[in-house]
Amino acid sequence: MTATFEQLYGTGAIFNTDTLTLEIPLTALAQSGLDAIEPTALETLAAIAKNAHAWLSTNTDETVAADSEVRAFAPTFRNNEDKTQHQYSLNFYTPYTAPTFDPDEVQ
């Protein structure tokens, strides 16, 4: 099974074949809880990881060439403050003969 851009990145996400760009509207990232009007790059990455995890964790059929796991650790100490660490693990499956990770081989 192949996921669509909307399934992994949120409603309205597309790959524009004319400009060869991935377009993800802020409204798509709002599905993950991101509500910043001008999000940082790190906030955007976190929202993408959360959206992808949501889809991967509910589509566990082995025909999907990826899976995801999330863990939370608290309290952790970072930048002189108590924090909660949210760890997202993404696993991609490629043919056994591929000795190095090549995103083109995720099928």
PDB file of N, CA and C in Angstrom:
ATOM      1  N   MET A   1       0.848  -1.167   0.000  1.00  0.00           N
ATOM      2  CA  MET A   1       0.000   0.000   0.000  1.00  0.00           C
ATOM      3  C   MET A   1       0.901   1.240   0.000  1.00  0.00           C
ATOM      4  N   THR A   2       0.569   2.185  -0.826  1.00  0.00           N
ATOM      5  CA  THR A   2       1.314   3.430  -0.903  1.00  0.00           C
ATOM      6  C   THR A   2       0.479   4.555  -0.308  1.00  0.00           C
ATOM      7  N   ALA A   3       1.082   5.316   0.573  1.00  0.00           N
ATOM      8  CA  ALA A   3       0.392   6.444   1.195  1.00  0.00           C
ATOM      9  C   ALA A   3       0.388   7.635   0.243  1.00  0.00           C
ATOM     10  N   THR A   4      -0.639   8.451   0.346  1.00  0.00           N
ATOM     11  CA  THR A   4      -0.695   9.680  -0.442  1.00  0.00           C
ATOM     12  C   THR A   4      -0.004  10.792   0.336  1.00  0.00           C
ATOM     13  N   PHE A   5       0.293  11.884  -0.341  1.00  0.00           N
ATOM     14  CA  PHE A   5       0.882  13.034   0.331  1.00  0.00           C
ATOM     15  C   PHE A   5      -0.069  13.574   1.392  1.00  0.00           C
ATOM     16  N   GLU A   6      -1.369  13.580   1.105  1.00  0.00           N
ATOM     17  CA  GLU A   6      -2.343  14.055   2.100  1.00  0.00           C
ATOM     18  C   GLU A   6      -2.369  13.158   3.328  1.00  0.00           C
ATOM     19  N   GLN A   7      -2.242  11.849   3.134  1.00  0.00           N
ATOM     20  CA  GLN A   7      -2.291  10.943   4.276  1.00  0.00           C
ATOM     21  C   GLN A   7      -1.096  11.157   5.204  1.00  0.00           C
ATOM     22  N   LEU A   8       0.075  11.388   4.655  1.00  0.00           N
ATOM     23  CA  LEU A   8       1.264  11.535   5.492  1.00  0.00           C
ATOM     24  C   LEU A   8       1.515  12.958   5.970  1.00  0.00           C
ATOM     25  N   TYR A   9       1.151  13.947   5.176  1.00  0.00           N
ATOM     26  CA  TYR A   9       1.475  15.330   5.507  1.00  0.00           C
ATOM     27  C   TYR A   9       0.266  16.178   5.900  1.00  0.00           C
ATOM     28  N   GLY A  10      -0.942  15.699   5.625  1.00  0.00           N
ATOM     29  CA  GLY A  10      -2.145  16.431   5.996  1.00  0.00           C
ATOM     30  C   GLY A  10      -2.956  16.863   4.788  1.00  0.00           C
ATOM     31  N   THR A  11      -4.200  17.216   5.041  1.00  0.00           N
ATOM     32  CA  THR A  11      -5.141  17.600   3.996  1.00  0.00           C
ATOM     33  C   THR A  11      -4.616  18.778   3.187  1.00  0.00           C
ATOM     34  N   GLY A  12      -4.617  18.618   1.867  1.00  0.00           N
ATOM     35  CA  GLY A  12      -4.162  19.673   0.965  1.00  0.00           C
ATOM     36  C   GLY A  12      -2.714  19.550   0.549  1.00  0.00           C
ATOM     37  N   ALA A  13      -1.962  18.626   1.154  1.00  0.00           N
ATOM     38  CA  ALA A  13      -0.556  18.440   0.780  1.00  0.00           C
ATOM     39  C   ALA A  13      -0.485  17.774  -0.593  1.00  0.00           C
ATOM     40  N   ILE A  14       0.356  18.320  -1.459  1.00  0.00           N
ATOM     41  CA  ILE A  14       0.517  17.760  -2.805  1.00  0.00           C
ATOM     42  C   ILE A  14       1.980  17.816  -3.220  1.00  0.00           C
ATOM     43  N   PHE A  15       2.312  17.000  -4.202  1.00  0.00           N
ATOM     44  CA  PHE A  15       3.599  17.132  -4.873  1.00  0.00           C
ATOM     45  C   PHE A  15       3.312  17.786  -6.206  1.00  0.00           C
ATOM     46  N   ASN A  16       3.829  18.981  -6.399  1.00  0.00           N
ATOM     47  CA  ASN A  16       3.600  19.747  -7.617  1.00  0.00           C
ATOM     48  C   ASN A  16       4.585  19.261  -8.678  1.00  0.00           C
ATOM     49  N   THR A  17       4.079  18.559  -9.676  1.00  0.00           N
ATOM     50  CA  THR A  17       4.953  17.997 -10.707  1.00  0.00           C
ATOM     51  C   THR A  17       5.483  19.058 -11.668  1.00  0.00           C
ATOM     52  N   ASP A  18       4.847  20.230 -11.710  1.00  0.00           N
ATOM     53  CA  ASP A  18       5.350  21.304 -12.567  1.00  0.00           C
ATOM     54  C   ASP A  18       6.606  21.948 -11.980  1.00  0.00           C
ATOM     55  N   THR A  19       6.576  22.186 -10.674  1.00  0.00           N
ATOM     56  CA  THR A  19       7.705  22.853 -10.018  1.00  0.00           C
ATOM     57  C   THR A  19       8.596  21.881  -9.244  1.00  0.00           C
ATOM     58  N   LEU A  20       8.184  20.613  -9.181  1.00  0.00           N
ATOM     59  CA  LEU A  20       8.905  19.572  -8.434  1.00  0.00           C
ATOM     60  C   LEU A  20       9.104  19.968  -6.977  1.00  0.00           C
ATOM     61  N   THR A  21       8.014  20.449  -6.360  1.00  0.00           N
ATOM     62  CA  THR A  21       8.061  20.841  -4.956  1.00  0.00           C
ATOM     63  C   THR A  21       6.937  20.160  -4.175  1.00  0.00           C
ATOM     64  N   LEU A  22       7.227  19.864  -2.940  1.00  0.00           N
ATOM     65  CA  LEU A  22       6.218  19.355  -2.015  1.00  0.00           C
ATOM     66  C   LEU A  22       5.555  20.569  -1.383  1.00  0.00           C
ATOM     67  N   GLU A  23       4.246  20.664  -1.532  1.00  0.00           N
ATOM     68  CA  GLU A  23       3.505  21.807  -0.999  1.00  0.00           C
ATOM     69  C   GLU A  23       2.618  21.326   0.143  1.00  0.00           C
ATOM     70  N   ILE A  24       2.887  21.878   1.331  1.00  0.00           N
ATOM     71  CA  ILE A  24       2.142  21.504   2.532  1.00  0.00           C
ATOM     72  C   ILE A  24       1.545  22.778   3.123  1.00  0.00           C
ATOM     73  N   PRO A  25       0.234  22.974   2.975  1.00  0.00           N
ATOM     74  CA  PRO A  25      -0.360  24.183   3.563  1.00  0.00           C
ATOM     75  C   PRO A  25      -0.361  24.110   5.089  1.00  0.00           C
ATOM     76  N   LEU A  26      -0.304  25.272   5.726  1.00  0.00           N
ATOM     77  CA  LEU A  26      -0.334  25.299   7.188  1.00  0.00           C
ATOM     78  C   LEU A  26      -1.569  24.609   7.745  1.00  0.00           C
ATOM     79  N   THR A  27      -2.675  24.663   7.015  1.00  0.00           N
ATOM     80  CA  THR A  27      -3.889  23.999   7.489  1.00  0.00           C
ATOM     81  C   THR A  27      -3.681  22.492   7.590  1.00  0.00           C
ATOM     82  N   ALA A  28      -2.830  21.923   6.745  1.00  0.00           N
ATOM     83  CA  ALA A  28      -2.529  20.492   6.826  1.00  0.00           C
ATOM     84  C   ALA A  28      -1.787  20.174   8.117  1.00  0.00           C
ATOM     85  N   LEU A  29      -0.869  21.044   8.491  1.00  0.00           N
ATOM     86  CA  LEU A  29      -0.089  20.810   9.708  1.00  0.00           C
ATOM     87  C   LEU A  29      -0.907  21.085  10.963  1.00  0.00           C
ATOM     88  N   ALA A  30      -1.990  21.835  10.826  1.00  0.00           N
ATOM     89  CA  ALA A  30      -2.872  22.086  11.962  1.00  0.00           C
ATOM     90  C   ALA A  30      -3.514  20.794  12.443  1.00  0.00           C
ATOM     91  N   GLN A  31      -3.627  19.801  11.574  1.00  0.00           N
ATOM     92  CA  GLN A  31      -4.180  18.502  11.974  1.00  0.00           C
ATOM     93  C   GLN A  31      -3.362  17.879  13.098  1.00  0.00           C
ATOM     94  N   SER A  32      -2.073  18.226  13.166  1.00  0.00           N
ATOM     95  CA  SER A  32      -1.211  17.670  14.207  1.00  0.00           C
ATOM     96  C   SER A  32      -1.239  18.515  15.480  1.00  0.00           C
ATOM     97  N   GLY A  33      -1.898  19.662  15.404  1.00  0.00           N
ATOM     98  CA  GLY A  33      -1.955  20.551  16.554  1.00  0.00           C
ATOM     99  C   GLY A  33      -1.127  21.810  16.373  1.00  0.00           C
ATOM    100  N   LEU A  34      -0.414  21.938  15.260  1.00  0.00           N
ATOM    101  CA  LEU A  34       0.370  23.151  15.015  1.00  0.00           C
ATOM    102  C   LEU A  34      -0.580  24.301  14.727  1.00  0.00           C
ATOM    103  N   ASP A  35      -0.492  25.351  15.523  1.00  0.00           N
ATOM    104  CA  ASP A  35      -1.375  26.485  15.306  1.00  0.00           C
ATOM    105  C   ASP A  35      -0.633  27.801  15.137  1.00  0.00           C
ATOM    106  N   ALA A  36       0.688  27.738  15.004  1.00  0.00           N
ATOM    107  CA  ALA A  36       1.479  28.946  14.799  1.00  0.00           C
ATOM    108  C   ALA A  36       1.198  29.526  13.414  1.00  0.00           C
ATOM    109  N   ILE A  37       1.090  30.848  13.342  1.00  0.00           N
ATOM    110  CA  ILE A  37       0.856  31.506  12.063  1.00  0.00           C
ATOM    111  C   ILE A  37       2.140  31.527  11.234  1.00  0.00           C
ATOM    112  N   GLU A  38       3.273  31.670  11.903  1.00  0.00           N
ATOM    113  CA  GLU A  38       4.579  31.627  11.244  1.00  0.00           C
ATOM    114  C   GLU A  38       5.449  30.615  11.986  1.00  0.00           C
ATOM    115  N   PRO A  39       5.239  29.315  11.725  1.00  0.00           N
ATOM    116  CA  PRO A  39       5.978  28.296  12.476  1.00  0.00           C
ATOM    117  C   PRO A  39       7.463  28.290  12.134  1.00  0.00           C
ATOM    118  N   THR A  40       8.250  27.834  13.095  1.00  0.00           N
ATOM    119  CA  THR A  40       9.680  27.659  12.850  1.00  0.00           C
ATOM    120  C   THR A  40       9.884  26.373  12.048  1.00  0.00           C
ATOM    121  N   ALA A  41      11.080  26.206  11.536  1.00  0.00           N
ATOM    122  CA  ALA A  41      11.407  24.988  10.798  1.00  0.00           C
ATOM    123  C   ALA A  41      11.261  23.758  11.703  1.00  0.00           C
ATOM    124  N   LEU A  42      11.669  23.884  12.959  1.00  0.00           N
ATOM    125  CA  LEU A  42      11.574  22.762  13.892  1.00  0.00           C
ATOM    126  C   LEU A  42      10.126  22.429  14.234  1.00  0.00           C
ATOM    127  N   GLU A  43       9.287  23.443  14.416  1.00  0.00           N
ATOM    128  CA  GLU A  43       7.860  23.205  14.664  1.00  0.00           C
ATOM    129  C   GLU A  43       7.221  22.496  13.461  1.00  0.00           C
ATOM    130  N   THR A  44       7.619  22.903  12.261  1.00  0.00           N
ATOM    131  CA  THR A  44       7.093  22.294  11.043  1.00  0.00           C
ATOM    132  C   THR A  44       7.520  20.832  10.950  1.00  0.00           C
ATOM    133  N   LEU A  45       8.785  20.552  11.232  1.00  0.00           N
ATOM    134  CA  LEU A  45       9.272  19.169  11.222  1.00  0.00           C
ATOM    135  C   LEU A  45       8.517  18.317  12.236  1.00  0.00           C
ATOM    136  N   ALA A  46       8.286  18.851  13.425  1.00  0.00           N
ATOM    137  CA  ALA A  46       7.558  18.109  14.456  1.00  0.00           C
ATOM    138  C   ALA A  46       6.135  17.809  14.005  1.00  0.00           C
ATOM    139  N   ALA A  47       5.484  18.770  13.365  1.00  0.00           N
ATOM    140  CA  ALA A  47       4.114  18.556  12.875  1.00  0.00           C
ATOM    141  C   ALA A  47       4.081  17.506  11.775  1.00  0.00           C
ATOM    142  N   ILE A  48       5.059  17.523  10.880  1.00  0.00           N
ATOM    143  CA  ILE A  48       5.133  16.521   9.812  1.00  0.00           C
ATOM    144  C   ILE A  48       5.335  15.137  10.418  1.00  0.00           C
ATOM    145  N   ALA A  49       6.248  15.016  11.396  1.00  0.00           N
ATOM    146  CA  ALA A  49       6.492  13.718  12.042  1.00  0.00           C
ATOM    147  C   ALA A  49       5.225  13.211  12.735  1.00  0.00           C
ATOM    148  N   LYS A  50       4.502  14.122  13.388  1.00  0.00           N
ATOM    149  CA  LYS A  50       3.277  13.717  14.091  1.00  0.00           C
ATOM    150  C   LYS A  50       2.194  13.283  13.109  1.00  0.00           C
ATOM    151  N   ASN A  51       2.032  14.014  11.992  1.00  0.00           N
ATOM    152  CA  ASN A  51       1.054  13.617  10.971  1.00  0.00           C
ATOM    153  C   ASN A  51       1.411  12.260  10.381  1.00  0.00           C
ATOM    154  N   ALA A  52       2.681  12.060  10.044  1.00  0.00           N
ATOM    155  CA  ALA A  52       3.112  10.790   9.462  1.00  0.00           C
ATOM    156  C   ALA A  52       2.904   9.646  10.449  1.00  0.00           C
ATOM    157  N   HIS A  53       3.248   9.871  11.705  1.00  0.00           N
ATOM    158  CA  HIS A  53       3.054   8.830  12.718  1.00  0.00           C
ATOM    159  C   HIS A  53       1.580   8.458  12.854  1.00  0.00           C
ATOM    160  N   ALA A  54       0.710   9.454  12.830  1.00  0.00           N
ATOM    161  CA  ALA A  54      -0.725   9.179  12.962  1.00  0.00           C
ATOM    162  C   ALA A  54      -1.196   8.233  11.861  1.00  0.00           C
ATOM    163  N   TRP A  55      -0.759   8.452  10.641  1.00  0.00           N
ATOM    164  CA  TRP A  55      -1.187   7.578   9.542  1.00  0.00           C
ATOM    165  C   TRP A  55      -0.508   6.216   9.642  1.00  0.00           C
ATOM    166  N   LEU A  56       0.799   6.200   9.884  1.00  0.00           N
ATOM    167  CA  LEU A  56       1.536   4.927   9.929  1.00  0.00           C
ATOM    168  C   LEU A  56       1.071   4.042  11.085  1.00  0.00           C
ATOM    169  N   SER A  57       0.713   4.641  12.208  1.00  0.00           N
ATOM    170  CA  SER A  57       0.307   3.828  13.359  1.00  0.00           C
ATOM    171  C   SER A  57      -1.072   3.206  13.175  1.00  0.00           C
ATOM    172  N   THR A  58      -1.867   3.710  12.232  1.00  0.00           N
ATOM    173  CA  THR A  58      -3.176   3.114  11.969  1.00  0.00           C
ATOM    174  C   THR A  58      -3.183   2.273  10.692  1.00  0.00           C
ATOM    175  N   ASN A  59      -2.090   2.277   9.956  1.00  0.00           N
ATOM    176  CA  ASN A  59      -1.966   1.480   8.727  1.00  0.00           C
ATOM    177  C   ASN A  59      -0.763   0.565   8.876  1.00  0.00           C
ATOM    178  N   THR A  60      -0.969  -0.509   9.613  1.00  0.00           N
ATOM    179  CA  THR A  60       0.133  -1.392   9.994  1.00  0.00           C
ATOM    180  C   THR A  60       0.283  -2.608   9.085  1.00  0.00           C
ATOM    181  N   ASP A  61      -0.461  -2.634   7.991  1.00  0.00           N
ATOM    182  CA  ASP A  61      -0.340  -3.729   7.028  1.00  0.00           C
ATOM    183  C   ASP A  61       1.105  -3.799   6.547  1.00  0.00           C
ATOM    184  N   GLU A  62       1.650  -5.004   6.408  1.00  0.00           N
ATOM    185  CA  GLU A  62       3.048  -5.143   6.009  1.00  0.00           C
ATOM    186  C   GLU A  62       3.328  -4.690   4.585  1.00  0.00           C
ATOM    187  N   THR A  63       2.290  -4.408   3.792  1.00  0.00           N
ATOM    188  CA  THR A  63       2.542  -3.870   2.459  1.00  0.00           C
ATOM    189  C   THR A  63       2.962  -2.405   2.517  1.00  0.00           C
ATOM    190  N   VAL A  64       2.746  -1.753   3.660  1.00  0.00           N
ATOM    191  CA  VAL A  64       3.237  -0.389   3.860  1.00  0.00           C
ATOM    192  C   VAL A  64       4.727  -0.509   4.171  1.00  0.00           C
ATOM    193  N   ALA A  65       5.557   0.191   3.414  1.00  0.00           N
ATOM    194  CA  ALA A  65       7.012   0.043   3.530  1.00  0.00           C
ATOM    195  C   ALA A  65       7.616   0.912   4.625  1.00  0.00           C
ATOM    196  N   ALA A  66       6.823   1.241   5.640  1.00  0.00           N
ATOM    197  CA  ALA A  66       7.320   2.042   6.756  1.00  0.00           C
ATOM    198  C   ALA A  66       6.443   1.798   7.974  1.00  0.00           C
ATOM    199  N   ASP A  67       7.002   2.056   9.137  1.00  0.00           N
ATOM    200  CA  ASP A  67       6.204   2.070  10.353  1.00  0.00           C
ATOM    201  C   ASP A  67       6.782   3.114  11.300  1.00  0.00           C
ATOM    202  N   SER A  68       6.055   3.374  12.364  1.00  0.00           N
ATOM    203  CA  SER A  68       6.431   4.452  13.259  1.00  0.00           C
ATOM    204  C   SER A  68       6.099   4.083  14.693  1.00  0.00           C
ATOM    205  N   GLU A  69       6.875   4.646  15.594  1.00  0.00           N
ATOM    206  CA  GLU A  69       6.664   4.423  17.018  1.00  0.00           C
ATOM    207  C   GLU A  69       6.906   5.757  17.727  1.00  0.00           C
ATOM    208  N   VAL A  70       6.161   6.017  18.779  1.00  0.00           N
ATOM    209  CA  VAL A  70       6.399   7.232  19.560  1.00  0.00           C
ATOM    210  C   VAL A  70       6.522   6.851  21.033  1.00  0.00           C
ATOM    211  N   ARG A  71       7.440   7.503  21.701  1.00  0.00           N
ATOM    212  CA  ARG A  71       7.636   7.301  23.132  1.00  0.00           C
ATOM    213  C   ARG A  71       7.791   8.666  23.789  1.00  0.00           C
ATOM    214  N   ALA A  72       7.399   8.753  25.025  1.00  0.00           N
ATOM    215  CA  ALA A  72       7.576   9.992  25.783  1.00  0.00           C
ATOM    216  C   ALA A  72       8.373   9.678  27.044  1.00  0.00           C
ATOM    217  N   PHE A  73       9.307  10.539  27.355  1.00  0.00           N
ATOM    218  CA  PHE A  73      10.143  10.404  28.539  1.00  0.00           C
ATOM    219  C   PHE A  73      10.041  11.694  29.337  1.00  0.00           C
ATOM    220  N   ALA A  74       9.730  11.566  30.623  1.00  0.00           N
ATOM    221  CA  ALA A  74       9.641  12.767  31.454  1.00  0.00           C
ATOM    222  C   ALA A  74       9.952  12.407  32.898  1.00  0.00           C
ATOM    223  N   PRO A  75      10.537  13.262  33.643  1.00  0.00           N
ATOM    224  CA  PRO A  75      11.134  14.493  33.126  1.00  0.00           C
ATOM    225  C   PRO A  75      12.524  14.211  32.560  1.00  0.00           C
ATOM    226  N   THR A  76      12.909  14.991  31.591  1.00  0.00           N
ATOM    227  CA  THR A  76      14.281  15.016  31.103  1.00  0.00           C
ATOM    228  C   THR A  76      14.784  16.431  31.297  1.00  0.00           C
ATOM    229  N   PHE A  77      16.077  16.605  31.299  1.00  0.00           N
ATOM    230  CA  PHE A  77      16.657  17.920  31.577  1.00  0.00           C
ATOM    231  C   PHE A  77      17.402  18.384  30.339  1.00  0.00           C
ATOM    232  N   ARG A  78      17.004  19.538  29.798  1.00  0.00           N
ATOM    233  CA  ARG A  78      17.644  20.088  28.601  1.00  0.00           C
ATOM    234  C   ARG A  78      17.589  21.606  28.686  1.00  0.00           C
ATOM    235  N   ASN A  79      18.691  22.237  28.355  1.00  0.00           N
ATOM    236  CA  ASN A  79      18.784  23.697  28.386  1.00  0.00           C
ATOM    237  C   ASN A  79      18.423  24.242  29.770  1.00  0.00           C
ATOM    238  N   ASN A  80      18.890  23.544  30.786  1.00  0.00           N
ATOM    239  CA  ASN A  80      18.684  23.943  32.177  1.00  0.00           C
ATOM    240  C   ASN A  80      17.224  23.979  32.608  1.00  0.00           C
ATOM    241  N   GLU A  81      16.383  23.161  31.950  1.00  0.00           N
ATOM    242  CA  GLU A  81      14.961  23.104  32.307  1.00  0.00           C
ATOM    243  C   GLU A  81      14.468  21.658  32.262  1.00  0.00           C
ATOM    244  N   ASP A  82      13.443  21.371  33.085  1.00  0.00           N
ATOM    245  CA  ASP A  82      12.765  20.094  32.970  1.00  0.00           C
ATOM    246  C   ASP A  82      11.933  20.097  31.701  1.00  0.00           C
ATOM    247  N   LYS A  83      12.005  19.029  30.944  1.00  0.00           N
ATOM    248  CA  LYS A  83      11.282  18.911  29.669  1.00  0.00           C
ATOM    249  C   LYS A  83      10.647  17.532  29.573  1.00  0.00           C
ATOM    250  N   THR A  84       9.733  17.382  28.636  1.00  0.00           N
ATOM    251  CA  THR A  84       9.229  16.069  28.240  1.00  0.00           C
ATOM    252  C   THR A  84       9.805  15.781  26.864  1.00  0.00           C
ATOM    253  N   GLN A  85      10.442  14.635  26.728  1.00  0.00           N
ATOM    254  CA  GLN A  85      11.033  14.240  25.444  1.00  0.00           C
ATOM    255  C   GLN A  85      10.035  13.377  24.693  1.00  0.00           C
ATOM    256  N   HIS A  86       9.729  13.756  23.456  1.00  0.00           N
ATOM    257  CA  HIS A  86       8.847  12.983  22.580  1.00  0.00           C
ATOM    258  C   HIS A  86       9.723  12.388  21.484  1.00  0.00           C
ATOM    259  N   GLN A  87       9.832  11.076  21.474  1.00  0.00           N
ATOM    260  CA  GLN A  87      10.723  10.411  20.525  1.00  0.00           C
ATOM    261  C   GLN A  87       9.903   9.713  19.448  1.00  0.00           C
ATOM    262  N   TYR A  88      10.047  10.160  18.214  1.00  0.00           N
ATOM    263  CA  TYR A  88       9.377   9.533  17.067  1.00  0.00           C
ATOM    264  C   TYR A  88      10.407   8.711  16.323  1.00  0.00           C
ATOM    265  N   SER A  89      10.128   7.428  16.161  1.00  0.00           N
ATOM    266  CA  SER A  89      11.006   6.549  15.396  1.00  0.00           C
ATOM    267  C   SER A  89      10.298   6.162  14.106  1.00  0.00           C
ATOM    268  N   LEU A  90      10.938   6.430  12.988  1.00  0.00           N
ATOM    269  CA  LEU A  90      10.406   6.046  11.685  1.00  0.00           C
ATOM    270  C   LEU A  90      11.293   4.955  11.119  1.00  0.00           C
ATOM    271  N   ASN A  91      10.680   3.874  10.660  1.00  0.00           N
ATOM    272  CA  ASN A  91      11.406   2.750  10.070  1.00  0.00           C
ATOM    273  C   ASN A  91      10.952   2.589   8.630  1.00  0.00           C
ATOM    274  N   PHE A  92      11.915   2.475   7.723  1.00  0.00           N
ATOM    275  CA  PHE A  92      11.618   2.295   6.303  1.00  0.00           C
ATOM    276  C   PHE A  92      12.174   0.947   5.861  1.00  0.00           C
ATOM    277  N   TYR A  93      11.423   0.259   5.006  1.00  0.00           N
ATOM    278  CA  TYR A  93      11.798  -1.078   4.555  1.00  0.00           C
ATOM    279  C   TYR A  93      12.155  -1.040   3.077  1.00  0.00           C
ATOM    280  N   THR A  94      13.368  -1.529   2.772  1.00  0.00           N
ATOM    281  CA  THR A  94      13.869  -1.573   1.406  1.00  0.00           C
ATOM    282  C   THR A  94      14.228  -3.012   1.070  1.00  0.00           C
ATOM    283  N   PRO A  95      14.463  -3.320  -0.213  1.00  0.00           N
ATOM    284  CA  PRO A  95      14.862  -4.687  -0.571  1.00  0.00           C
ATOM    285  C   PRO A  95      16.101  -5.117   0.213  1.00  0.00           C
ATOM    286  N   TYR A  96      16.156  -6.393   0.532  1.00  0.00           N
ATOM    287  CA  TYR A  96      17.249  -6.928   1.348  1.00  0.00           C
ATOM    288  C   TYR A  96      18.610  -6.698   0.704  1.00  0.00           C
ATOM    289  N   THR A  97      18.651  -6.641  -0.600  1.00  0.00           N
ATOM    290  CA  THR A  97      19.937  -6.497  -1.283  1.00  0.00           C
ATOM    291  C   THR A  97      20.497  -5.077  -1.199  1.00  0.00           C
ATOM    292  N   ALA A  98      19.707  -4.126  -0.719  1.00  0.00           N
ATOM    293  CA  ALA A  98      20.183  -2.746  -0.634  1.00  0.00           C
ATOM    294  C   ALA A  98      21.046  -2.562   0.615  1.00  0.00           C
ATOM    295  N   PRO A  99      22.375  -2.390   0.459  1.00  0.00           N
ATOM    296  CA  PRO A  99      23.252  -2.287   1.629  1.00  0.00           C
ATOM    297  C   PRO A  99      23.218  -0.917   2.307  1.00  0.00           C
ATOM    298  N   THR A 100      22.754   0.110   1.614  1.00  0.00           N
ATOM    299  CA  THR A 100      22.680   1.445   2.203  1.00  0.00           C
ATOM    300  C   THR A 100      21.265   1.972   2.025  1.00  0.00           C
ATOM    301  N   PHE A 101      20.896   2.946   2.851  1.00  0.00           N
ATOM    302  CA  PHE A 101      19.551   3.493   2.781  1.00  0.00           C
ATOM    303  C   PHE A 101      19.430   4.428   1.590  1.00  0.00           C
ATOM    304  N   ASP A 102      18.526   4.107   0.695  1.00  0.00           N
ATOM    305  CA  ASP A 102      18.218   4.933  -0.468  1.00  0.00           C
ATOM    306  C   ASP A 102      16.715   5.150  -0.475  1.00  0.00           C
ATOM    307  N   PRO A 103      16.251   6.388  -0.271  1.00  0.00           N
ATOM    308  CA  PRO A 103      14.807   6.638  -0.231  1.00  0.00           C
ATOM    309  C   PRO A 103      14.069   6.157  -1.479  1.00  0.00           C
ATOM    310  N   ASP A 104      14.765   6.070  -2.613  1.00  0.00           N
ATOM    311  CA  ASP A 104      14.124   5.584  -3.834  1.00  0.00           C
ATOM    312  C   ASP A 104      13.759   4.101  -3.745  1.00  0.00           C
ATOM    313  N   GLU A 105      14.372   3.386  -2.811  1.00  0.00           N
ATOM    314  CA  GLU A 105      14.124   1.944  -2.681  1.00  0.00           C
ATOM    315  C   GLU A 105      12.975   1.610  -1.733  1.00  0.00           C
ATOM    316  N   VAL A 106      12.393   2.598  -1.063  1.00  0.00           N
ATOM    317  CA  VAL A 106      11.264   2.356  -0.169  1.00  0.00           C
ATOM    318  C   VAL A 106      10.051   2.069  -1.028  1.00  0.00           C
ATOM    319  N   GLN A 107       9.574   0.830  -0.977  1.00  0.00           N
ATOM    320  CA  GLN A 107       8.470   0.413  -1.868  1.00  0.00           C
ATOM    321  C   GLN A 107       7.404  -0.308  -1.077  1.00  0.00           C
TER     322      GLN A 107
END
